[in-house]
């Protein structure tokens, strides 16, 4: 089954038992209610859904209306008592899992892409965390600010509204010439960070191939 849907067990961020548990949950949905049996118990389709839904949410969290959590070939882990507000997007990319600690606030319309957020951090409305970003405990990323690719915001630091944090440890700069200079200095390349060295300049082909895995998805009426 794993080989048939493209799982490499040597590099997968989960083991066979965890994957089997996810499949059992999906199959149980179908047995409980025919409306939710969207795979008709087909093992391959059920396996694909279990792989896509590698999302774990801790106790007493709040996931508000319109928030989207997507495990795109890597897991999403959300710690206890975390709040993810309306229309936020939390997306894991291949080889770039998302880890959100306990007591974290993810504000409305924020984007968390393949990033790590430690406990008690505050990610404000419209903020963006780019792939492989690391946010320290009790750090604050204010409205419409950015923590860039492979950047590390130390514990307790803050990024002012609309500013950018870039580097390890991060330098925090306003929009403008300093920001552009740091982009050049650190060689920021979103495509390379997400899809790897060999795919750095391929462009939209990467996204078409990645999301093409969902071409057989079907809407659930449940």
C-alpha atoms as a PDB file:
ATOM      1  CA  UNK A   1       0.000   0.000   0.000  1.00  0.00           C
ATOM      2  CA  UNK A   2       2.686   2.491   1.001  1.00  0.00           C
ATOM      3  CA  UNK A   3       4.664   1.951  -2.196  1.00  0.00           C
ATOM      4  CA  UNK A   4       1.505   2.215  -4.299  1.00  0.00           C
ATOM      5  CA  UNK A   5       0.728   5.741  -3.032  1.00  0.00           C
ATOM      6  CA  UNK A   6       4.347   6.871  -2.988  1.00  0.00           C
ATOM      7  CA  UNK A   7       5.356   6.618   0.688  1.00  0.00           C
ATOM      8  CA  UNK A   8       9.086   6.228   1.346  1.00  0.00           C
ATOM      9  CA  UNK A   9       9.116   4.587   4.778  1.00  0.00           C
ATOM     10  CA  UNK A  10      12.805   5.435   5.307  1.00  0.00           C
ATOM     11  CA  UNK A  11      12.162   9.191   5.128  1.00  0.00           C
ATOM     12  CA  UNK A  12       8.465   9.437   6.086  1.00  0.00           C
ATOM     13  CA  UNK A  13       7.792  11.474   9.260  1.00  0.00           C
ATOM     14  CA  UNK A  14       5.509   8.679  10.523  1.00  0.00           C
ATOM     15  CA  UNK A  15       5.798   4.921  10.881  1.00  0.00           C
ATOM     16  CA  UNK A  16       3.621   2.120   9.546  1.00  0.00           C
ATOM     17  CA  UNK A  17       1.552   1.861  12.713  1.00  0.00           C
ATOM     18  CA  UNK A  18       0.756   5.597  12.693  1.00  0.00           C
ATOM     19  CA  UNK A  19      -0.280   5.384   9.050  1.00  0.00           C
ATOM     20  CA  UNK A  20      -2.409   2.304   9.723  1.00  0.00           C
ATOM     21  CA  UNK A  21      -4.097   4.175  12.584  1.00  0.00           C
ATOM     22  CA  UNK A  22      -4.987   7.007  10.203  1.00  0.00           C
ATOM     23  CA  UNK A  23      -6.472   4.558   7.724  1.00  0.00           C
ATOM     24  CA  UNK A  24      -8.514   2.941  10.493  1.00  0.00           C
ATOM     25  CA  UNK A  25      -9.990   6.343  11.369  1.00  0.00           C
ATOM     26  CA  UNK A  26     -10.965   6.993   7.743  1.00  0.00           C
ATOM     27  CA  UNK A  27     -12.528   3.546   7.371  1.00  0.00           C
ATOM     28  CA  UNK A  28     -14.419   4.004  10.631  1.00  0.00           C
ATOM     29  CA  UNK A  29     -16.027   7.166   9.249  1.00  0.00           C
ATOM     30  CA  UNK A  30     -17.477   5.129   6.388  1.00  0.00           C
ATOM     31  CA  UNK A  31     -18.759   2.393   8.654  1.00  0.00           C
ATOM     32  CA  UNK A  32     -20.387   4.932  10.960  1.00  0.00           C
ATOM     33  CA  UNK A  33     -22.286   6.832   8.280  1.00  0.00           C
ATOM     34  CA  UNK A  34     -22.669   5.990   4.562  1.00  0.00           C
ATOM     35  CA  UNK A  35     -22.634   9.714   3.768  1.00  0.00           C
ATOM     36  CA  UNK A  36     -19.025   9.942   4.972  1.00  0.00           C
ATOM     37  CA  UNK A  37     -17.909   6.819   3.109  1.00  0.00           C
ATOM     38  CA  UNK A  38     -16.418   8.885   0.281  1.00  0.00           C
ATOM     39  CA  UNK A  39     -13.913   6.153  -0.695  1.00  0.00           C
ATOM     40  CA  UNK A  40     -16.354   3.218  -0.743  1.00  0.00           C
ATOM     41  CA  UNK A  41     -13.674   1.514   1.395  1.00  0.00           C
ATOM     42  CA  UNK A  42     -11.206   1.556  -1.484  1.00  0.00           C
ATOM     43  CA  UNK A  43      -7.828   0.955   0.231  1.00  0.00           C
ATOM     44  CA  UNK A  44      -5.716   3.124  -2.103  1.00  0.00           C
ATOM     45  CA  UNK A  45      -8.026   6.141  -1.948  1.00  0.00           C
ATOM     46  CA  UNK A  46      -8.428   5.707   1.808  1.00  0.00           C
ATOM     47  CA  UNK A  47      -4.638   5.609   2.150  1.00  0.00           C
ATOM     48  CA  UNK A  48      -4.276   8.832   0.165  1.00  0.00           C
ATOM     49  CA  UNK A  49      -6.791  10.582   2.420  1.00  0.00           C
ATOM     50  CA  UNK A  50      -5.029   9.337   5.553  1.00  0.00           C
ATOM     51  CA  UNK A  51      -1.707  10.621   4.174  1.00  0.00           C
ATOM     52  CA  UNK A  52      -3.187  14.033   3.334  1.00  0.00           C
ATOM     53  CA  UNK A  53      -4.732  14.342   6.791  1.00  0.00           C
ATOM     54  CA  UNK A  54      -1.612  13.876   8.899  1.00  0.00           C
ATOM     55  CA  UNK A  55      -2.780  16.642  11.218  1.00  0.00           C
ATOM     56  CA  UNK A  56      -2.737  16.331  14.998  1.00  0.00           C
ATOM     57  CA  UNK A  57      -4.475  18.913  17.192  1.00  0.00           C
ATOM     58  CA  UNK A  58      -3.834  19.008  20.918  1.00  0.00           C
ATOM     59  CA  UNK A  59      -6.377  19.226  23.701  1.00  0.00           C
ATOM     60  CA  UNK A  60      -8.530  22.295  24.229  1.00  0.00           C
ATOM     61  CA  UNK A  61      -7.486  24.025  20.981  1.00  0.00           C
ATOM     62  CA  UNK A  62      -9.735  26.381  19.046  1.00  0.00           C
ATOM     63  CA  UNK A  63      -9.742  26.142  15.237  1.00  0.00           C
ATOM     64  CA  UNK A  64     -12.002  28.929  14.022  1.00  0.00           C
ATOM     65  CA  UNK A  65     -14.254  29.169  10.958  1.00  0.00           C
ATOM     66  CA  UNK A  66     -12.432  29.187   7.614  1.00  0.00           C
ATOM     67  CA  UNK A  67      -9.030  28.163   8.998  1.00  0.00           C
ATOM     68  CA  UNK A  68      -7.225  25.614   6.805  1.00  0.00           C
ATOM     69  CA  UNK A  69      -4.701  23.038   8.049  1.00  0.00           C
ATOM     70  CA  UNK A  70      -3.048  21.024   5.271  1.00  0.00           C
ATOM     71  CA  UNK A  71      -0.505  18.223   5.636  1.00  0.00           C
ATOM     72  CA  UNK A  72       1.034  18.165   2.150  1.00  0.00           C
ATOM     73  CA  UNK A  73       3.301  15.082   2.425  1.00  0.00           C
ATOM     74  CA  UNK A  74       4.514  16.218   5.864  1.00  0.00           C
ATOM     75  CA  UNK A  75       2.757  16.382   9.242  1.00  0.00           C
ATOM     76  CA  UNK A  76       1.075  19.286  11.008  1.00  0.00           C
ATOM     77  CA  UNK A  77       1.275  19.211  14.809  1.00  0.00           C
ATOM     78  CA  UNK A  78      -0.624  21.713  16.969  1.00  0.00           C
ATOM     79  CA  UNK A  79      -0.024  21.852  20.715  1.00  0.00           C
ATOM     80  CA  UNK A  80      -2.638  22.117  23.438  1.00  0.00           C
ATOM     81  CA  UNK A  81      -4.616  25.304  24.076  1.00  0.00           C
ATOM     82  CA  UNK A  82      -3.547  26.886  20.794  1.00  0.00           C
ATOM     83  CA  UNK A  83      -5.968  29.137  18.900  1.00  0.00           C
ATOM     84  CA  UNK A  84      -5.994  29.339  15.095  1.00  0.00           C
ATOM     85  CA  UNK A  85      -8.241  32.193  14.020  1.00  0.00           C
ATOM     86  CA  UNK A  86     -10.506  32.680  11.010  1.00  0.00           C
ATOM     87  CA  UNK A  87      -9.033  32.192   7.516  1.00  0.00           C
ATOM     88  CA  UNK A  88      -5.536  31.363   8.737  1.00  0.00           C
ATOM     89  CA  UNK A  89      -3.643  28.849   6.587  1.00  0.00           C
ATOM     90  CA  UNK A  90      -1.302  26.307   8.175  1.00  0.00           C
ATOM     91  CA  UNK A  91       0.425  24.225   5.490  1.00  0.00           C
ATOM     92  CA  UNK A  92       3.143  21.589   5.689  1.00  0.00           C
ATOM     93  CA  UNK A  93       5.188  21.038   2.529  1.00  0.00           C
ATOM     94  CA  UNK A  94       7.177  17.928   1.544  1.00  0.00           C
ATOM     95  CA  UNK A  95      10.075  17.634   4.024  1.00  0.00           C
ATOM     96  CA  UNK A  96       8.832  20.792   5.771  1.00  0.00           C
ATOM     97  CA  UNK A  97       6.479  19.828   8.615  1.00  0.00           C
ATOM     98  CA  UNK A  98       4.633  22.349  10.759  1.00  0.00           C
ATOM     99  CA  UNK A  99       5.083  22.272  14.512  1.00  0.00           C
ATOM    100  CA  UNK A 100       3.061  24.694  16.660  1.00  0.00           C
ATOM    101  CA  UNK A 101       3.610  24.595  20.395  1.00  0.00           C
ATOM    102  CA  UNK A 102       1.235  25.030  23.299  1.00  0.00           C
ATOM    103  CA  UNK A 103      -0.646  28.250  24.079  1.00  0.00           C
ATOM    104  CA  UNK A 104       0.071  29.836  20.693  1.00  0.00           C
ATOM    105  CA  UNK A 105      -2.147  32.378  18.950  1.00  0.00           C
ATOM    106  CA  UNK A 106      -2.331  32.297  15.129  1.00  0.00           C
ATOM    107  CA  UNK A 107      -4.260  35.394  14.065  1.00  0.00           C
ATOM    108  CA  UNK A 108      -6.877  35.862  11.329  1.00  0.00           C
ATOM    109  CA  UNK A 109      -5.506  35.463   7.808  1.00  0.00           C
ATOM    110  CA  UNK A 110      -2.036  34.478   8.993  1.00  0.00           C
ATOM    111  CA  UNK A 111       0.046  32.038   6.932  1.00  0.00           C
ATOM    112  CA  UNK A 112       2.252  29.375   8.486  1.00  0.00           C
ATOM    113  CA  UNK A 113       4.205  27.486   5.808  1.00  0.00           C
ATOM    114  CA  UNK A 114       6.433  24.608   6.878  1.00  0.00           C
ATOM    115  CA  UNK A 115       7.473  26.515   9.995  1.00  0.00           C
ATOM    116  CA  UNK A 116       8.085  25.850  13.697  1.00  0.00           C
ATOM    117  CA  UNK A 117       6.401  27.976  16.360  1.00  0.00           C
ATOM    118  CA  UNK A 118       7.391  27.492  19.986  1.00  0.00           C
ATOM    119  CA  UNK A 119       5.088  27.819  22.981  1.00  0.00           C
ATOM    120  CA  UNK A 120       3.336  31.073  23.936  1.00  0.00           C
ATOM    121  CA  UNK A 121       4.203  32.796  20.649  1.00  0.00           C
ATOM    122  CA  UNK A 122       1.803  35.296  19.073  1.00  0.00           C
ATOM    123  CA  UNK A 123       1.382  35.405  15.276  1.00  0.00           C
ATOM    124  CA  UNK A 124      -0.846  38.382  14.477  1.00  0.00           C
ATOM    125  CA  UNK A 125      -3.388  38.914  11.709  1.00  0.00           C
ATOM    126  CA  UNK A 126      -1.969  38.744   8.186  1.00  0.00           C
ATOM    127  CA  UNK A 127       1.522  37.716   9.297  1.00  0.00           C
ATOM    128  CA  UNK A 128       3.477  35.196   7.197  1.00  0.00           C
ATOM    129  CA  UNK A 129       5.940  32.536   8.334  1.00  0.00           C
ATOM    130  CA  UNK A 130       7.844  31.187   5.348  1.00  0.00           C
ATOM    131  CA  UNK A 131       9.261  27.654   4.946  1.00  0.00           C
ATOM    132  CA  UNK A 132      11.741  26.482   7.605  1.00  0.00           C
ATOM    133  CA  UNK A 133      11.196  29.607   9.708  1.00  0.00           C
ATOM    134  CA  UNK A 134      11.579  29.104  13.458  1.00  0.00           C
ATOM    135  CA  UNK A 135       9.719  31.240  15.980  1.00  0.00           C
ATOM    136  CA  UNK A 136      11.003  31.153  19.532  1.00  0.00           C
ATOM    137  CA  UNK A 137       8.929  30.898  22.695  1.00  0.00           C
ATOM    138  CA  UNK A 138       6.971  34.058  23.579  1.00  0.00           C
ATOM    139  CA  UNK A 139       8.047  35.772  20.346  1.00  0.00           C
ATOM    140  CA  UNK A 140       5.616  38.153  18.635  1.00  0.00           C
ATOM    141  CA  UNK A 141       5.117  38.505  14.864  1.00  0.00           C
ATOM    142  CA  UNK A 142       2.887  41.523  14.460  1.00  0.00           C
ATOM    143  CA  UNK A 143       0.260  42.342  11.843  1.00  0.00           C
ATOM    144  CA  UNK A 144       1.325  41.882   8.191  1.00  0.00           C
ATOM    145  CA  UNK A 145       4.950  41.183   9.099  1.00  0.00           C
ATOM    146  CA  UNK A 146       7.090  38.370   7.670  1.00  0.00           C
ATOM    147  CA  UNK A 147       9.575  35.865   9.032  1.00  0.00           C
ATOM    148  CA  UNK A 148      11.458  34.726   5.960  1.00  0.00           C
ATOM    149  CA  UNK A 149      12.761  31.406   4.663  1.00  0.00           C
ATOM    150  CA  UNK A 150      15.151  29.574   7.027  1.00  0.00           C
ATOM    151  CA  UNK A 151      15.028  32.496   9.444  1.00  0.00           C
ATOM    152  CA  UNK A 152      15.110  32.159  13.225  1.00  0.00           C
ATOM    153  CA  UNK A 153      13.324  34.630  15.476  1.00  0.00           C
ATOM    154  CA  UNK A 154      14.800  34.148  18.973  1.00  0.00           C
ATOM    155  CA  UNK A 155      12.612  33.696  22.052  1.00  0.00           C
ATOM    156  CA  UNK A 156      10.929  36.851  23.260  1.00  0.00           C
ATOM    157  CA  UNK A 157      11.766  38.918  20.152  1.00  0.00           C
ATOM    158  CA  UNK A 158       9.157  40.917  18.230  1.00  0.00           C
ATOM    159  CA  UNK A 159       8.758  41.833  14.566  1.00  0.00           C
ATOM    160  CA  UNK A 160       7.018  45.221  14.246  1.00  0.00           C
ATOM    161  CA  UNK A 161       3.960  45.648  12.080  1.00  0.00           C
ATOM    162  CA  UNK A 162       4.824  45.282   8.394  1.00  0.00           C
ATOM    163  CA  UNK A 163       8.529  44.570   9.010  1.00  0.00           C
ATOM    164  CA  UNK A 164      10.565  41.538   7.901  1.00  0.00           C
ATOM    165  CA  UNK A 165      12.764  39.188   9.946  1.00  0.00           C
ATOM    166  CA  UNK A 166      15.480  37.421   7.960  1.00  0.00           C
ATOM    167  CA  UNK A 167      18.559  35.408   8.926  1.00  0.00           C
ATOM    168  CA  UNK A 168      19.736  33.152  11.759  1.00  0.00           C
ATOM    169  CA  UNK A 169      19.379  34.801  14.186  1.00  0.00           C
ATOM    170  CA  UNK A 170      17.021  37.134  12.403  1.00  0.00           C
ATOM    171  CA  UNK A 171      17.718  40.743  11.577  1.00  0.00           C
ATOM    172  CA  UNK A 172      14.504  42.757  11.697  1.00  0.00           C
ATOM    173  CA  UNK A 173      14.148  45.496   9.092  1.00  0.00           C
ATOM    174  CA  UNK A 174      11.413  47.752   7.689  1.00  0.00           C
ATOM    175  CA  UNK A 175      10.287  47.451   4.067  1.00  0.00           C
ATOM    176  CA  UNK A 176      12.692  49.083   1.638  1.00  0.00           C
ATOM    177  CA  UNK A 177      16.364  49.038   0.702  1.00  0.00           C
ATOM    178  CA  UNK A 178      17.580  47.196   3.822  1.00  0.00           C
ATOM    179  CA  UNK A 179      15.061  44.434   3.221  1.00  0.00           C
ATOM    180  CA  UNK A 180      16.138  44.010  -0.416  1.00  0.00           C
ATOM    181  CA  UNK A 181      19.813  43.971   0.598  1.00  0.00           C
ATOM    182  CA  UNK A 182      19.203  41.170   3.097  1.00  0.00           C
ATOM    183  CA  UNK A 183      17.262  39.153   0.521  1.00  0.00           C
ATOM    184  CA  UNK A 184      20.348  39.270  -1.693  1.00  0.00           C
ATOM    185  CA  UNK A 185      22.751  38.551   1.177  1.00  0.00           C
ATOM    186  CA  UNK A 186      20.918  35.447   2.357  1.00  0.00           C
ATOM    187  CA  UNK A 187      20.063  34.188  -1.122  1.00  0.00           C
ATOM    188  CA  UNK A 188      16.353  33.873  -0.430  1.00  0.00           C
ATOM    189  CA  UNK A 189      14.674  31.489  -2.865  1.00  0.00           C
ATOM    190  CA  UNK A 190      11.194  30.236  -1.939  1.00  0.00           C
ATOM    191  CA  UNK A 191      11.048  27.597  -4.668  1.00  0.00           C
ATOM    192  CA  UNK A 192      14.449  26.175  -3.709  1.00  0.00           C
ATOM    193  CA  UNK A 193      13.477  26.046  -0.027  1.00  0.00           C
ATOM    194  CA  UNK A 194      10.217  24.203  -0.718  1.00  0.00           C
ATOM    195  CA  UNK A 195      11.119  21.956  -3.655  1.00  0.00           C
ATOM    196  CA  UNK A 196      14.887  21.473  -3.296  1.00  0.00           C
ATOM    197  CA  UNK A 197      18.099  22.466  -5.072  1.00  0.00           C
ATOM    198  CA  UNK A 198      17.330  20.669  -8.313  1.00  0.00           C
ATOM    199  CA  UNK A 199      13.936  22.352  -8.669  1.00  0.00           C
ATOM    200  CA  UNK A 200      14.945  25.904  -7.745  1.00  0.00           C
ATOM    201  CA  UNK A 201      14.045  27.527 -11.072  1.00  0.00           C
ATOM    202  CA  UNK A 202      11.283  25.271 -12.376  1.00  0.00           C
ATOM    203  CA  UNK A 203       8.468  27.559 -11.264  1.00  0.00           C
ATOM    204  CA  UNK A 204       4.805  26.638 -11.590  1.00  0.00           C
ATOM    205  CA  UNK A 205       5.571  23.088 -12.713  1.00  0.00           C
ATOM    206  CA  UNK A 206       6.414  22.299  -9.088  1.00  0.00           C
ATOM    207  CA  UNK A 207       2.997  23.363  -7.845  1.00  0.00           C
ATOM    208  CA  UNK A 208       1.134  21.638 -10.650  1.00  0.00           C
ATOM    209  CA  UNK A 209       2.884  18.345  -9.895  1.00  0.00           C
ATOM    210  CA  UNK A 210       2.516  18.624  -6.126  1.00  0.00           C
ATOM    211  CA  UNK A 211      -1.147  19.532  -6.102  1.00  0.00           C
ATOM    212  CA  UNK A 212      -1.819  17.122  -8.974  1.00  0.00           C
ATOM    213  CA  UNK A 213      -1.851  14.447  -6.288  1.00  0.00           C
ATOM    214  CA  UNK A 214      -5.325  15.784  -5.443  1.00  0.00           C
ATOM    215  CA  UNK A 215      -6.785  15.427  -8.937  1.00  0.00           C
ATOM    216  CA  UNK A 216      -8.815  12.427  -7.851  1.00  0.00           C
ATOM    217  CA  UNK A 217     -10.148  14.051  -4.688  1.00  0.00           C
ATOM    218  CA  UNK A 218     -13.915  14.209  -4.405  1.00  0.00           C
ATOM    219  CA  UNK A 219     -16.050  16.593  -2.344  1.00  0.00           C
ATOM    220  CA  UNK A 220     -17.624  15.172   0.781  1.00  0.00           C
ATOM    221  CA  UNK A 221     -21.312  15.782   1.293  1.00  0.00           C
ATOM    222  CA  UNK A 222     -20.937  15.250   5.048  1.00  0.00           C
END
